Amino acid sequence: MIQELVRNGVDFQQACAEFKLKFMEEALILNGGNIKTTAEKLGVHRNTIGKLIKKRSGNGKQRTKRG
């Protein structure tokens, strides 16, 4: 992954952001898609994982739950 980023001329900030996203995605997969468990294991807020999902889906709108 690192060699690919360097070869493609990705700057350091972009490389760090890409690593962070891939790291969280892999953790999410390993935790069966459970956002709360993934967040707890990574030591981040669950909203951080939610933002990851939103960013990767390319969906500009955020869903809200109304009851």
Protein backbone atom coordinates (compact mmCIF):
# COMPACT_ATOMS: atom_id res chain seq x y z
CA MET A 1 0.00 0.00 0.00
CA ILE A 2 2.74 2.47 0.93
CA GLN A 3 4.72 1.85 -2.24
CA GLU A 4 1.60 2.37 -4.31
CA LEU A 5 0.86 5.69 -2.61
CA VAL A 6 4.44 6.92 -3.09
CA ARG A 7 4.54 5.81 -6.73
CA ASN A 8 1.29 7.62 -7.40
CA GLY A 9 2.62 10.86 -5.95
CA VAL A 10 0.23 10.96 -3.02
CA ASP A 11 1.34 13.57 -0.49
CA PHE A 12 1.85 12.78 3.19
CA GLN A 13 -1.48 14.22 4.38
CA GLN A 14 -3.42 12.25 1.79
CA ALA A 15 -1.48 9.08 2.65
CA CYS A 16 -2.27 9.48 6.36
CA ALA A 17 -5.96 10.03 5.61
CA GLU A 18 -6.05 6.97 3.34
CA PHE A 19 -4.37 4.80 5.96
CA LYS A 20 -6.79 5.98 8.64
CA LEU A 21 -9.80 5.15 6.48
CA LYS A 22 -8.50 1.72 5.49
CA PHE A 23 -7.58 0.94 9.11
CA MET A 24 -11.08 1.80 10.33
CA GLU A 25 -12.73 -0.05 7.46
CA GLU A 26 -10.79 -3.22 8.23
CA ALA A 27 -11.66 -2.96 11.94
CA LEU A 28 -15.32 -2.48 11.02
CA ILE A 29 -15.23 -5.61 8.85
CA LEU A 30 -13.53 -7.64 11.59
CA ASN A 31 -16.22 -6.53 14.04
CA GLY A 32 -19.04 -7.64 11.77
CA GLY A 33 -20.05 -4.09 10.89
CA ASN A 34 -20.78 -3.24 14.51
CA ILE A 35 -20.03 0.46 14.78
CA LYS A 36 -20.16 0.66 18.57
CA THR A 37 -17.78 -2.28 19.09
CA THR A 38 -15.40 -1.01 16.42
CA ALA A 39 -15.30 2.46 17.94
CA GLU A 40 -14.66 1.05 21.40
CA LYS A 41 -11.83 -1.17 20.19
CA LEU A 42 -10.20 1.66 18.24
CA GLY A 43 -10.68 4.19 21.02
CA VAL A 44 -12.69 6.60 18.89
CA HIS A 45 -16.21 7.95 19.14
CA ARG A 46 -18.83 6.01 17.21
CA ASN A 47 -19.58 9.15 15.19
CA THR A 48 -16.05 8.92 13.79
CA ILE A 49 -16.94 5.53 12.29
CA GLY A 50 -20.24 6.96 11.03
CA LYS A 51 -18.37 9.77 9.26
CA LEU A 52 -16.11 7.16 7.66
CA ILE A 53 -19.10 5.31 6.28
CA LYS A 54 -20.63 8.53 5.01
CA LYS A 55 -17.37 9.60 3.37
CA ARG A 56 -16.87 6.23 1.67
CA SER A 57 -20.45 5.97 0.47
CA GLY A 58 -20.20 9.37 -1.17
CA ASN A 59 -23.60 10.25 0.20
CA GLY A 60 -23.77 13.95 0.94
CA LYS A 61 -26.90 13.67 3.04
CA GLN A 62 -26.88 12.44 6.58
CA ARG A 63 -29.76 10.27 7.76
CA THR A 64 -31.58 11.19 10.88
CA LYS A 65 -33.73 8.92 12.98
CA ARG A 66 -37.06 10.34 13.97
CA GLY A 67 -39.38 8.61 16.31
